[in-house]
Amino acid sequence: SRDNAKITVYLQMNSLKPEDTAVYYCAASRSPLLGGEGSAAKEYDY
């Protein structure tokens, strides 16, 4: 989810599993739109 007034994006993670263990990275695109499903890292600039 996101709160544009606070310029913040959230990731609520429930029912966590050991396989969710990782370093989690936030990424931003210069575009307001997603290319496809937004799943390609190359879509993001920051």
PDB file of all heavy atoms in Angstrom:
ATOM      1  N   SER A   1       0.853  -1.183   0.000  1.00  0.00           N
ATOM      2  CA  SER A   1       0.000   0.000   0.000  1.00  0.00           C
ATOM      3  C   SER A   1       0.893   1.238   0.000  1.00  0.00           C
ATOM      4  O   SER A   1       2.110   1.133   0.180  1.00  0.00           O
ATOM      5  CB  SER A   1      -0.927   0.005   1.216  1.00  0.00           C
ATOM      6  OG  SER A   1      -0.185   0.039   2.422  1.00  0.00           O
ATOM      7  N   ARG A   2       0.279   2.387  -0.204  1.00  0.00           N
ATOM      8  CA  ARG A   2       1.077   3.622  -0.207  1.00  0.00           C
ATOM      9  C   ARG A   2       0.251   4.772   0.317  1.00  0.00           C
ATOM     10  O   ARG A   2      -0.980   4.802   0.192  1.00  0.00           O
ATOM     11  CB  ARG A   2       1.616   3.917  -1.603  1.00  0.00           C
ATOM     12  CG  ARG A   2       0.578   4.222  -2.649  1.00  0.00           C
ATOM     13  CD  ARG A   2       1.221   4.273  -4.038  1.00  0.00           C
ATOM     14  NE  ARG A   2       2.243   5.323  -4.107  1.00  0.00           N
ATOM     15  CZ  ARG A   2       3.221   5.342  -5.009  1.00  0.00           C
ATOM     16  NH1 ARG A   2       3.326   4.374  -5.911  1.00  0.00           N
ATOM     17  NH2 ARG A   2       4.090   6.337  -5.036  1.00  0.00           N
ATOM     18  N   ASP A   3       0.964   5.732   0.878  1.00  0.00           N
ATOM     19  CA  ASP A   3       0.372   6.980   1.341  1.00  0.00           C
ATOM     20  C   ASP A   3       1.148   8.084   0.641  1.00  0.00           C
ATOM     21  O   ASP A   3       2.261   8.430   1.073  1.00  0.00           O
ATOM     22  CB  ASP A   3       0.486   7.080   2.862  1.00  0.00           C
ATOM     23  CG  ASP A   3      -0.187   8.327   3.411  1.00  0.00           C
ATOM     24  OD1 ASP A   3      -0.366   9.304   2.653  1.00  0.00           O
ATOM     25  OD2 ASP A   3      -0.524   8.318   4.600  1.00  0.00           O
ATOM     26  N   ASN A   4       0.602   8.613  -0.431  1.00  0.00           N
ATOM     27  CA  ASN A   4       1.341   9.592  -1.223  1.00  0.00           C
ATOM     28  C   ASN A   4       1.547  10.908  -0.473  1.00  0.00           C
ATOM     29  O   ASN A   4       2.527  11.621  -0.738  1.00  0.00           O
ATOM     30  CB  ASN A   4       0.641   9.833  -2.549  1.00  0.00           C
ATOM     31  CG  ASN A   4       0.771   8.644  -3.492  1.00  0.00           C
ATOM     32  OD1 ASN A   4       1.674   7.812  -3.355  1.00  0.00           O
ATOM     33  ND2 ASN A   4      -0.131   8.538  -4.443  1.00  0.00           N
ATOM     34  N   ALA A   5       0.666  11.211   0.440  1.00  0.00           N
ATOM     35  CA  ALA A   5       0.851  12.428   1.238  1.00  0.00           C
ATOM     36  C   ALA A   5       2.102  12.311   2.103  1.00  0.00           C
ATOM     37  O   ALA A   5       2.785  13.311   2.367  1.00  0.00           O
ATOM     38  CB  ALA A   5      -0.372  12.683   2.098  1.00  0.00           C
ATOM     39  N   LYS A   6       2.392  11.094   2.543  1.00  0.00           N
ATOM     40  CA  LYS A   6       3.575  10.856   3.380  1.00  0.00           C
ATOM     41  C   LYS A   6       4.754  10.352   2.553  1.00  0.00           C
ATOM     42  O   LYS A   6       5.822  10.074   3.113  1.00  0.00           O
ATOM     43  CB  LYS A   6       3.252   9.840   4.471  1.00  0.00           C
ATOM     44  CG  LYS A   6       2.205  10.318   5.457  1.00  0.00           C
ATOM     45  CD  LYS A   6       1.958   9.269   6.532  1.00  0.00           C
ATOM     46  CE  LYS A   6       0.940   9.758   7.540  1.00  0.00           C
ATOM     47  NZ  LYS A   6       0.674   8.753   8.590  1.00  0.00           N
ATOM     48  N   ILE A   7       4.558  10.190   1.265  1.00  0.00           N
ATOM     49  CA  ILE A   7       5.582   9.682   0.350  1.00  0.00           C
ATOM     50  C   ILE A   7       6.160   8.388   0.909  1.00  0.00           C
ATOM     51  O   ILE A   7       7.377   8.194   0.997  1.00  0.00           O
ATOM     52  CB  ILE A   7       6.701  10.711   0.087  1.00  0.00           C
ATOM     53  CG1 ILE A   7       6.141  12.123  -0.005  1.00  0.00           C
ATOM     54  CG2 ILE A   7       7.397  10.401  -1.230  1.00  0.00           C
ATOM     55  CD1 ILE A   7       7.178  13.191  -0.222  1.00  0.00           C
ATOM     56  N   THR A   8       5.264   7.503   1.287  1.00  0.00           N
ATOM     57  CA  THR A   8       5.660   6.256   1.945  1.00  0.00           C
ATOM     58  C   THR A   8       4.920   5.082   1.319  1.00  0.00           C
ATOM     59  O   THR A   8       3.729   5.176   1.026  1.00  0.00           O
ATOM     60  CB  THR A   8       5.361   6.315   3.448  1.00  0.00           C
ATOM     61  OG1 THR A   8       6.061   7.424   4.027  1.00  0.00           O
ATOM     62  CG2 THR A   8       5.796   5.031   4.134  1.00  0.00           C
ATOM     63  N   VAL A   9       5.651   3.995   1.146  1.00  0.00           N
ATOM     64  CA  VAL A   9       5.076   2.734   0.681  1.00  0.00           C
ATOM     65  C   VAL A   9       5.260   1.702   1.780  1.00  0.00           C
ATOM     66  O   VAL A   9       6.298   1.685   2.449  1.00  0.00           O
ATOM     67  CB  VAL A   9       5.758   2.260  -0.612  1.00  0.00           C
ATOM     68  CG1 VAL A   9       5.233   0.897  -1.021  1.00  0.00           C
ATOM     69  CG2 VAL A   9       5.518   3.262  -1.720  1.00  0.00           C
ATOM     70  N   TYR A  10       4.257   0.867   1.947  1.00  0.00           N
ATOM     71  CA  TYR A  10       4.277  -0.126   3.009  1.00  0.00           C
ATOM     72  C   TYR A  10       4.197  -1.532   2.417  1.00  0.00           C
ATOM     73  O   TYR A  10       3.663  -1.749   1.334  1.00  0.00           O
ATOM     74  CB  TYR A  10       3.092   0.072   3.947  1.00  0.00           C
ATOM     75  CG  TYR A  10       3.003   1.451   4.538  1.00  0.00           C
ATOM     76  CD1 TYR A  10       2.172   2.419   3.987  1.00  0.00           C
ATOM     77  CD2 TYR A  10       3.761   1.790   5.658  1.00  0.00           C
ATOM     78  CE1 TYR A  10       2.084   3.686   4.527  1.00  0.00           C
ATOM     79  CE2 TYR A  10       3.683   3.061   6.208  1.00  0.00           C
ATOM     80  CZ  TYR A  10       2.851   4.008   5.646  1.00  0.00           C
ATOM     81  OH  TYR A  10       2.783   5.262   6.180  1.00  0.00           O
ATOM     82  N   LEU A  11       4.722  -2.474   3.171  1.00  0.00           N
ATOM     83  CA  LEU A  11       4.549  -3.881   2.845  1.00  0.00           C
ATOM     84  C   LEU A  11       4.156  -4.587   4.129  1.00  0.00           C
ATOM     85  O   LEU A  11       4.998  -4.784   5.011  1.00  0.00           O
ATOM     86  CB  LEU A  11       5.812  -4.490   2.255  1.00  0.00           C
ATOM     87  CG  LEU A  11       5.655  -5.928   1.770  1.00  0.00           C
ATOM     88  CD1 LEU A  11       4.740  -5.991   0.540  1.00  0.00           C
ATOM     89  CD2 LEU A  11       7.014  -6.551   1.435  1.00  0.00           C
ATOM     90  N   GLN A  12       2.887  -4.914   4.245  1.00  0.00           N
ATOM     91  CA  GLN A  12       2.403  -5.672   5.391  1.00  0.00           C
ATOM     92  C   GLN A  12       2.596  -7.148   5.104  1.00  0.00           C
ATOM     93  O   GLN A  12       2.089  -7.654   4.096  1.00  0.00           O
ATOM     94  CB  GLN A  12       0.916  -5.380   5.642  1.00  0.00           C
ATOM     95  CG  GLN A  12       0.305  -6.164   6.775  1.00  0.00           C
ATOM     96  CD  GLN A  12       0.869  -5.788   8.125  1.00  0.00           C
ATOM     97  OE1 GLN A  12       1.055  -4.613   8.422  1.00  0.00           O
ATOM     98  NE2 GLN A  12       1.166  -6.791   8.954  1.00  0.00           N
ATOM     99  N   MET A  13       3.332  -7.806   5.970  1.00  0.00           N
ATOM    100  CA  MET A  13       3.670  -9.213   5.759  1.00  0.00           C
ATOM    101  C   MET A  13       3.078 -10.039   6.892  1.00  0.00           C
ATOM    102  O   MET A  13       3.461  -9.866   8.055  1.00  0.00           O
ATOM    103  CB  MET A  13       5.183  -9.383   5.705  1.00  0.00           C
ATOM    104  CG  MET A  13       5.858  -8.492   4.669  1.00  0.00           C
ATOM    105  SD  MET A  13       7.625  -8.823   4.488  1.00  0.00           S
ATOM    106  CE  MET A  13       8.210  -8.370   6.107  1.00  0.00           C
ATOM    107  N   ASN A  14       2.140 -10.897   6.558  1.00  0.00           N
ATOM    108  CA  ASN A  14       1.495 -11.773   7.534  1.00  0.00           C
ATOM    109  C   ASN A  14       1.831 -13.229   7.239  1.00  0.00           C
ATOM    110  O   ASN A  14       2.293 -13.560   6.142  1.00  0.00           O
ATOM    111  CB  ASN A  14      -0.015 -11.574   7.488  1.00  0.00           C
ATOM    112  CG  ASN A  14      -0.437 -10.159   7.843  1.00  0.00           C
ATOM    113  OD1 ASN A  14       0.221  -9.486   8.640  1.00  0.00           O
ATOM    114  ND2 ASN A  14      -1.529  -9.705   7.260  1.00  0.00           N
ATOM    115  N   SER A  15       1.580 -14.072   8.209  1.00  0.00           N
ATOM    116  CA  SER A  15       1.822 -15.511   8.050  1.00  0.00           C
ATOM    117  C   SER A  15       3.213 -15.781   7.490  1.00  0.00           C
ATOM    118  O   SER A  15       3.389 -16.554   6.544  1.00  0.00           O
ATOM    119  CB  SER A  15       0.760 -16.124   7.132  1.00  0.00           C
ATOM    120  OG  SER A  15      -0.539 -15.904   7.641  1.00  0.00           O
ATOM    121  N   LEU A  16       4.186 -15.146   8.078  1.00  0.00           N
ATOM    122  CA  LEU A  16       5.548 -15.251   7.572  1.00  0.00           C
ATOM    123  C   LEU A  16       6.086 -16.671   7.693  1.00  0.00           C
ATOM    124  O   LEU A  16       5.769 -17.396   8.656  1.00  0.00           O
ATOM    125  CB  LEU A  16       6.454 -14.268   8.293  1.00  0.00           C
ATOM    126  CG  LEU A  16       6.309 -12.810   7.809  1.00  0.00           C
ATOM    127  CD1 LEU A  16       6.860 -11.845   8.841  1.00  0.00           C
ATOM    128  CD2 LEU A  16       7.003 -12.640   6.477  1.00  0.00           C
ATOM    129  N   LYS A  17       6.913 -17.020   6.727  1.00  0.00           N
ATOM    130  CA  LYS A  17       7.525 -18.346   6.666  1.00  0.00           C
ATOM    131  C   LYS A  17       9.043 -18.196   6.675  1.00  0.00           C
ATOM    132  O   LYS A  17       9.567 -17.157   6.263  1.00  0.00           O
ATOM    133  CB  LYS A  17       7.105 -19.053   5.376  1.00  0.00           C
ATOM    134  CG  LYS A  17       5.607 -19.151   5.168  1.00  0.00           C
ATOM    135  CD  LYS A  17       5.299 -19.760   3.806  1.00  0.00           C
ATOM    136  CE  LYS A  17       3.798 -19.845   3.549  1.00  0.00           C
ATOM    137  NZ  LYS A  17       3.499 -20.421   2.221  1.00  0.00           N
ATOM    138  N   PRO A  18       9.746 -19.235   7.094  1.00  0.00           N
ATOM    139  CA  PRO A  18      11.220 -19.153   7.067  1.00  0.00           C
ATOM    140  C   PRO A  18      11.766 -18.813   5.674  1.00  0.00           C
ATOM    141  O   PRO A  18      12.779 -18.107   5.575  1.00  0.00           O
ATOM    142  CB  PRO A  18      11.650 -20.546   7.510  1.00  0.00           C
ATOM    143  CG  PRO A  18      10.542 -20.993   8.405  1.00  0.00           C
ATOM    144  CD  PRO A  18       9.291 -20.461   7.779  1.00  0.00           C
ATOM    145  N   GLU A  19      11.090 -19.242   4.639  1.00  0.00           N
ATOM    146  CA  GLU A  19      11.559 -18.946   3.280  1.00  0.00           C
ATOM    147  C   GLU A  19      11.351 -17.488   2.881  1.00  0.00           C
ATOM    148  O   GLU A  19      11.807 -17.077   1.812  1.00  0.00           O
ATOM    149  CB  GLU A  19      10.882 -19.872   2.256  1.00  0.00           C
ATOM    150  CG  GLU A  19       9.376 -19.927   2.341  1.00  0.00           C
ATOM    151  CD  GLU A  19       8.901 -21.139   3.144  1.00  0.00           C
ATOM    152  OE1 GLU A  19       9.485 -21.423   4.220  1.00  0.00           O
ATOM    153  OE2 GLU A  19       7.927 -21.777   2.699  1.00  0.00           O
ATOM    154  N   ASP A  20      10.693 -16.713   3.718  1.00  0.00           N
ATOM    155  CA  ASP A  20      10.580 -15.273   3.476  1.00  0.00           C
ATOM    156  C   ASP A  20      11.816 -14.517   3.979  1.00  0.00           C
ATOM    157  O   ASP A  20      11.930 -13.304   3.748  1.00  0.00           O
ATOM    158  CB  ASP A  20       9.337 -14.700   4.171  1.00  0.00           C
ATOM    159  CG  ASP A  20       8.042 -15.222   3.591  1.00  0.00           C
ATOM    160  OD1 ASP A  20       7.935 -15.324   2.356  1.00  0.00           O
ATOM    161  OD2 ASP A  20       7.136 -15.529   4.388  1.00  0.00           O
ATOM    162  N   THR A  21      12.703 -15.211   4.643  1.00  0.00           N
ATOM    163  CA  THR A  21      13.919 -14.588   5.148  1.00  0.00           C
ATOM    164  C   THR A  21      14.742 -14.031   3.994  1.00  0.00           C
ATOM    165  O   THR A  21      15.070 -14.750   3.044  1.00  0.00           O
ATOM    166  CB  THR A  21      14.753 -15.602   5.947  1.00  0.00           C
ATOM    167  OG1 THR A  21      14.024 -15.979   7.116  1.00  0.00           O
ATOM    168  CG2 THR A  21      16.091 -15.011   6.347  1.00  0.00           C
ATOM    169  N   ALA A  22      15.051 -12.747   4.074  1.00  0.00           N
ATOM    170  CA  ALA A  22      15.785 -12.082   2.996  1.00  0.00           C
ATOM    171  C   ALA A  22      16.028 -10.631   3.389  1.00  0.00           C
ATOM    172  O   ALA A  22      15.451 -10.137   4.373  1.00  0.00           O
ATOM    173  CB  ALA A  22      14.992 -12.125   1.690  1.00  0.00           C
ATOM    174  N   VAL A  23      16.836  -9.967   2.598  1.00  0.00           N
ATOM    175  CA  VAL A  23      16.918  -8.518   2.662  1.00  0.00           C
ATOM    176  C   VAL A  23      15.860  -7.974   1.706  1.00  0.00           C
ATOM    177  O   VAL A  23      15.813  -8.371   0.537  1.00  0.00           O
ATOM    178  CB  VAL A  23      18.310  -8.000   2.271  1.00  0.00           C
ATOM    179  CG1 VAL A  23      18.328  -6.466   2.285  1.00  0.00           C
ATOM    180  CG2 VAL A  23      19.374  -8.556   3.216  1.00  0.00           C
ATOM    181  N   TYR A  24      15.026  -7.090   2.227  1.00  0.00           N
ATOM    182  CA  TYR A  24      13.937  -6.533   1.432  1.00  0.00           C
ATOM    183  C   TYR A  24      14.308  -5.125   0.974  1.00  0.00           C
ATOM    184  O   TYR A  24      14.729  -4.292   1.781  1.00  0.00           O
ATOM    185  CB  TYR A  24      12.654  -6.499   2.251  1.00  0.00           C
ATOM    186  CG  TYR A  24      12.009  -7.858   2.356  1.00  0.00           C
ATOM    187  CD1 TYR A  24      12.589  -8.870   3.118  1.00  0.00           C
ATOM    188  CD2 TYR A  24      10.832  -8.154   1.667  1.00  0.00           C
ATOM    189  CE1 TYR A  24      12.016 -10.129   3.198  1.00  0.00           C
ATOM    190  CE2 TYR A  24      10.253  -9.408   1.742  1.00  0.00           C
ATOM    191  CZ  TYR A  24      10.853 -10.385   2.502  1.00  0.00           C
ATOM    192  OH  TYR A  24      10.278 -11.636   2.577  1.00  0.00           O
ATOM    193  N   TYR A  25      14.133  -4.896  -0.321  1.00  0.00           N
ATOM    194  CA  TYR A  25      14.498  -3.632  -0.939  1.00  0.00           C
ATOM    195  C   TYR A  25      13.269  -2.924  -1.490  1.00  0.00           C
ATOM    196  O   TYR A  25      12.414  -3.543  -2.122  1.00  0.00           O
ATOM    197  CB  TYR A  25      15.475  -3.852  -2.080  1.00  0.00           C
ATOM    198  CG  TYR A  25      16.794  -4.446  -1.681  1.00  0.00           C
ATOM    199  CD1 TYR A  25      16.996  -5.824  -1.683  1.00  0.00           C
ATOM    200  CD2 TYR A  25      17.852  -3.629  -1.298  1.00  0.00           C
ATOM    201  CE1 TYR A  25      18.204  -6.374  -1.314  1.00  0.00           C
ATOM    202  CE2 TYR A  25      19.078  -4.177  -0.926  1.00  0.00           C
ATOM    203  CZ  TYR A  25      19.244  -5.535  -0.938  1.00  0.00           C
ATOM    204  OH  TYR A  25      20.451  -6.080  -0.569  1.00  0.00           O
ATOM    205  N   CYS A  26      13.234  -1.638  -1.280  1.00  0.00           N
ATOM    206  CA  CYS A  26      12.228  -0.781  -1.869  1.00  0.00           C
ATOM    207  C   CYS A  26      12.804  -0.200  -3.161  1.00  0.00           C
ATOM    208  O   CYS A  26      14.004   0.108  -3.226  1.00  0.00           O
ATOM    209  CB  CYS A  26      11.908   0.328  -0.868  1.00  0.00           C
ATOM    210  SG  CYS A  26      10.820   1.612  -1.454  1.00  0.00           S
ATOM    211  N   ALA A  27      11.967  -0.041  -4.170  1.00  0.00           N
ATOM    212  CA  ALA A  27      12.421   0.494  -5.442  1.00  0.00           C
ATOM    213  C   ALA A  27      11.384   1.466  -5.991  1.00  0.00           C
ATOM    214  O   ALA A  27      10.187   1.291  -5.766  1.00  0.00           O
ATOM    215  CB  ALA A  27      12.657  -0.634  -6.438  1.00  0.00           C
ATOM    216  N   ALA A  28      11.874   2.470  -6.725  1.00  0.00           N
ATOM    217  CA  ALA A  28      10.986   3.465  -7.316  1.00  0.00           C
ATOM    218  C   ALA A  28      11.290   3.625  -8.797  1.00  0.00           C
ATOM    219  O   ALA A  28      12.453   3.619  -9.212  1.00  0.00           O
ATOM    220  CB  ALA A  28      11.143   4.803  -6.607  1.00  0.00           C
ATOM    221  N   SER A  29      10.243   3.775  -9.560  1.00  0.00           N
ATOM    222  CA  SER A  29      10.378   4.036 -10.993  1.00  0.00           C
ATOM    223  C   SER A  29      10.177   5.515 -11.257  1.00  0.00           C
ATOM    224  O   SER A  29       9.494   6.201 -10.507  1.00  0.00           O
ATOM    225  CB  SER A  29       9.327   3.233 -11.748  1.00  0.00           C
ATOM    226  OG  SER A  29       9.264   3.636 -13.104  1.00  0.00           O
ATOM    227  N   ARG A  30      10.755   6.016 -12.332  1.00  0.00           N
ATOM    228  CA  ARG A  30      10.484   7.404 -12.720  1.00  0.00           C
ATOM    229  C   ARG A  30       9.067   7.547 -13.258  1.00  0.00           C
ATOM    230  O   ARG A  30       8.528   8.653 -13.331  1.00  0.00           O
ATOM    231  CB  ARG A  30      11.476   7.859 -13.778  1.00  0.00           C
ATOM    232  CG  ARG A  30      12.898   8.037 -13.292  1.00  0.00           C
ATOM    233  CD  ARG A  30      13.733   8.785 -14.314  1.00  0.00           C
ATOM    234  NE  ARG A  30      15.119   8.922 -13.875  1.00  0.00           N
ATOM    235  CZ  ARG A  30      16.102   8.130 -14.278  1.00  0.00           C
ATOM    236  NH1 ARG A  30      15.855   7.154 -15.128  1.00  0.00           N
ATOM    237  NH2 ARG A  30      17.318   8.317 -13.831  1.00  0.00           N
ATOM    238  N   SER A  31       8.461   6.443 -13.643  1.00  0.00           N
ATOM    239  CA  SER A  31       7.125   6.471 -14.218  1.00  0.00           C
ATOM    240  C   SER A  31       6.066   6.227 -13.144  1.00  0.00           C
ATOM    241  O   SER A  31       6.292   5.461 -12.217  1.00  0.00           O
ATOM    242  CB  SER A  31       7.002   5.388 -15.285  1.00  0.00           C
ATOM    243  OG  SER A  31       5.656   5.253 -15.702  1.00  0.00           O
ATOM    244  N   PRO A  32       4.894   6.848 -13.296  1.00  0.00           N
ATOM    245  CA  PRO A  32       3.800   6.561 -12.358  1.00  0.00           C
ATOM    246  C   PRO A  32       3.118   5.228 -12.646  1.00  0.00           C
ATOM    247  O   PRO A  32       2.348   4.723 -11.817  1.00  0.00           O
ATOM    248  CB  PRO A  32       2.831   7.711 -12.583  1.00  0.00           C
ATOM    249  CG  PRO A  32       3.068   8.125 -13.998  1.00  0.00           C
ATOM    250  CD  PRO A  32       4.550   7.925 -14.223  1.00  0.00           C
ATOM    251  N   LEU A  33       3.424   4.683 -13.816  1.00  0.00           N
ATOM    252  CA  LEU A  33       2.767   3.453 -14.234  1.00  0.00           C
ATOM    253  C   LEU A  33       3.710   2.263 -14.093  1.00  0.00           C
ATOM    254  O   LEU A  33       4.931   2.415 -14.066  1.00  0.00           O
ATOM    255  CB  LEU A  33       2.305   3.578 -15.686  1.00  0.00           C
ATOM    256  CG  LEU A  33       1.406   4.774 -16.002  1.00  0.00           C
ATOM    257  CD1 LEU A  33       1.126   4.828 -17.488  1.00  0.00           C
ATOM    258  CD2 LEU A  33       0.120   4.707 -15.204  1.00  0.00           C
ATOM    259  N   LEU A  34       3.126   1.088 -14.036  1.00  0.00           N
ATOM    260  CA  LEU A  34       3.909  -0.132 -14.009  1.00  0.00           C
ATOM    261  C   LEU A  34       3.973  -0.715 -15.411  1.00  0.00           C
ATOM    262  O   LEU A  34       2.968  -0.736 -16.122  1.00  0.00           O
ATOM    263  CB  LEU A  34       3.261  -1.149 -13.067  1.00  0.00           C
ATOM    264  CG  LEU A  34       3.209  -0.766 -11.599  1.00  0.00           C
ATOM    265  CD1 LEU A  34       2.337  -1.747 -10.835  1.00  0.00           C
ATOM    266  CD2 LEU A  34       4.608  -0.724 -11.016  1.00  0.00           C
ATOM    267  N   GLY A  35       5.153  -1.183 -15.771  1.00  0.00           N
ATOM    268  CA  GLY A  35       5.281  -1.903 -17.027  1.00  0.00           C
ATOM    269  C   GLY A  35       4.886  -3.338 -16.798  1.00  0.00           C
ATOM    270  O   GLY A  35       5.508  -4.034 -15.988  1.00  0.00           O
ATOM    271  N   GLY A  36       3.861  -3.799 -17.403  1.00  0.00           N
ATOM    272  CA  GLY A  36       3.416  -5.158 -17.128  1.00  0.00           C
ATOM    273  C   GLY A  36       2.977  -5.268 -15.678  1.00  0.00           C
ATOM    274  O   GLY A  36       2.148  -4.498 -15.209  1.00  0.00           O
ATOM    275  N   GLU A  37       3.553  -6.208 -14.975  1.00  0.00           N
ATOM    276  CA  GLU A  37       3.212  -6.383 -13.569  1.00  0.00           C
ATOM    277  C   GLU A  37       4.250  -5.775 -12.631  1.00  0.00           C
ATOM    278  O   GLU A  37       4.222  -6.030 -11.437  1.00  0.00           O
ATOM    279  CB  GLU A  37       3.035  -7.867 -13.262  1.00  0.00           C
ATOM    280  CG  GLU A  37       1.889  -8.497 -14.032  1.00  0.00           C
ATOM    281  CD  GLU A  37       1.646  -9.940 -13.625  1.00  0.00           C
ATOM    282  OE1 GLU A  37       2.427 -10.480 -12.838  1.00  0.00           O
ATOM    283  OE2 GLU A  37       0.656 -10.524 -14.125  1.00  0.00           O
ATOM    284  N   GLY A  38       5.139  -4.973 -13.200  1.00  0.00           N
ATOM    285  CA  GLY A  38       6.114  -4.310 -12.358  1.00  0.00           C
ATOM    286  C   GLY A  38       7.104  -5.238 -11.717  1.00  0.00           C
ATOM    287  O   GLY A  38       7.706  -4.901 -10.695  1.00  0.00           O
ATOM    288  N   SER A  39       7.296  -6.420 -12.285  1.00  0.00           N
ATOM    289  CA  SER A  39       8.126  -7.432 -11.659  1.00  0.00           C
ATOM    290  C   SER A  39       9.583  -7.426 -12.119  1.00  0.00           C
ATOM    291  O   SER A  39      10.395  -8.173 -11.574  1.00  0.00           O
ATOM    292  CB  SER A  39       7.530  -8.819 -11.904  1.00  0.00           C
ATOM    293  OG  SER A  39       7.453  -9.080 -13.295  1.00  0.00           O
ATOM    294  N   ALA A  40       9.901  -6.614 -13.099  1.00  0.00           N
ATOM    295  CA  ALA A  40      11.274  -6.582 -13.613  1.00  0.00           C
ATOM    296  C   ALA A  40      12.080  -5.504 -12.914  1.00  0.00           C
ATOM    297  O   ALA A  40      11.689  -4.335 -12.914  1.00  0.00           O
ATOM    298  CB  ALA A  40      11.263  -6.330 -15.113  1.00  0.00           C
ATOM    299  N   ALA A  41      13.204  -5.890 -12.361  1.00  0.00           N
ATOM    300  CA  ALA A  41      14.039  -4.939 -11.629  1.00  0.00           C
ATOM    301  C   ALA A  41      14.484  -3.779 -12.511  1.00  0.00           C
ATOM    302  O   ALA A  41      14.656  -2.657 -12.041  1.00  0.00           O
ATOM    303  CB  ALA A  41      15.239  -5.654 -11.035  1.00  0.00           C
ATOM    304  N   LYS A  42      14.651  -4.031 -13.794  1.00  0.00           N
ATOM    305  CA  LYS A  42      15.137  -2.994 -14.705  1.00  0.00           C
ATOM    306  C   LYS A  42      14.135  -1.861 -14.904  1.00  0.00           C
ATOM    307  O   LYS A  42      14.491  -0.800 -15.425  1.00  0.00           O
ATOM    308  CB  LYS A  42      15.473  -3.604 -16.056  1.00  0.00           C
ATOM    309  CG  LYS A  42      14.272  -4.179 -16.800  1.00  0.00           C
ATOM    310  CD  LYS A  42      14.710  -4.812 -18.129  1.00  0.00           C
ATOM    311  CE  LYS A  42      13.509  -5.399 -18.873  1.00  0.00           C
ATOM    312  NZ  LYS A  42      13.933  -6.023 -20.146  1.00  0.00           N
ATOM    313  N   GLU A  43      12.890  -2.059 -14.469  1.00  0.00           N
ATOM    314  CA  GLU A  43      11.896  -0.997 -14.563  1.00  0.00           C
ATOM    315  C   GLU A  43      12.131   0.111 -13.542  1.00  0.00           C
ATOM    316  O   GLU A  43      11.571   1.191 -13.655  1.00  0.00           O
ATOM    317  CB  GLU A  43      10.500  -1.564 -14.310  1.00  0.00           C
ATOM    318  CG  GLU A  43       9.986  -2.516 -15.352  1.00  0.00           C
ATOM    319  CD  GLU A  43       8.556  -2.911 -15.043  1.00  0.00           C
ATOM    320  OE1 GLU A  43       7.741  -2.012 -14.772  1.00  0.00           O
ATOM    321  OE2 GLU A  43       8.262  -4.107 -15.051  1.00  0.00           O
ATOM    322  N   TYR A  44      12.912  -0.184 -12.536  1.00  0.00           N
ATOM    323  CA  TYR A  44      13.066   0.733 -11.414  1.00  0.00           C
ATOM    324  C   TYR A  44      14.386   1.485 -11.490  1.00  0.00           C
ATOM    325  O   TYR A  44      15.409   0.923 -11.852  1.00  0.00           O
ATOM    326  CB  TYR A  44      12.941  -0.038 -10.100  1.00  0.00           C
ATOM    327  CG  TYR A  44      11.584  -0.698  -9.975  1.00  0.00           C
ATOM    328  CD1 TYR A  44      11.368  -1.976 -10.458  1.00  0.00           C
ATOM    329  CD2 TYR A  44      10.510  -0.016  -9.409  1.00  0.00           C
ATOM    330  CE1 TYR A  44      10.113  -2.571 -10.380  1.00  0.00           C
ATOM    331  CE2 TYR A  44       9.255  -0.598  -9.314  1.00  0.00           C
ATOM    332  CZ  TYR A  44       9.072  -1.875  -9.812  1.00  0.00           C
ATOM    333  OH  TYR A  44       7.832  -2.461  -9.734  1.00  0.00           O
ATOM    334  N   ASP A  45      14.297   2.754 -11.143  1.00  0.00           N
ATOM    335  CA  ASP A  45      15.453   3.632 -11.290  1.00  0.00           C
ATOM    336  C   ASP A  45      16.163   3.930  -9.982  1.00  0.00           C
ATOM    337  O   ASP A  45      17.316   4.362  -9.998  1.00  0.00           O
ATOM    338  CB  ASP A  45      14.978   4.951 -11.919  1.00  0.00           C
ATOM    339  CG  ASP A  45      14.284   4.726 -13.245  1.00  0.00           C
ATOM    340  OD1 ASP A  45      14.988   4.387 -14.222  1.00  0.00           O
ATOM    341  OD2 ASP A  45      13.040   4.842 -13.308  1.00  0.00           O
ATOM    342  N   TYR A  46      15.477   3.737  -8.880  1.00  0.00           N
ATOM    343  CA  TYR A  46      16.053   4.065  -7.572  1.00  0.00           C
ATOM    344  C   TYR A  46      15.811   2.902  -6.623  1.00  0.00           C
ATOM    345  O   TYR A  46      14.752   2.263  -6.659  1.00  0.00           O
ATOM    346  CB  TYR A  46      15.414   5.342  -7.010  1.00  0.00           C
ATOM    347  CG  TYR A  46      15.437   6.504  -7.961  1.00  0.00           C
ATOM    348  CD1 TYR A  46      14.306   6.865  -8.681  1.00  0.00           C
ATOM    349  CD2 TYR A  46      16.611   7.245  -8.154  1.00  0.00           C
ATOM    350  CE1 TYR A  46      14.322   7.930  -9.568  1.00  0.00           C
ATOM    351  CE2 TYR A  46      16.623   8.322  -9.039  1.00  0.00           C
ATOM    352  CZ  TYR A  46      15.484   8.644  -9.738  1.00  0.00           C
ATOM    353  OH  TYR A  46      15.511   9.707 -10.618  1.00  0.00           O
TER     354      TYR A  46
END
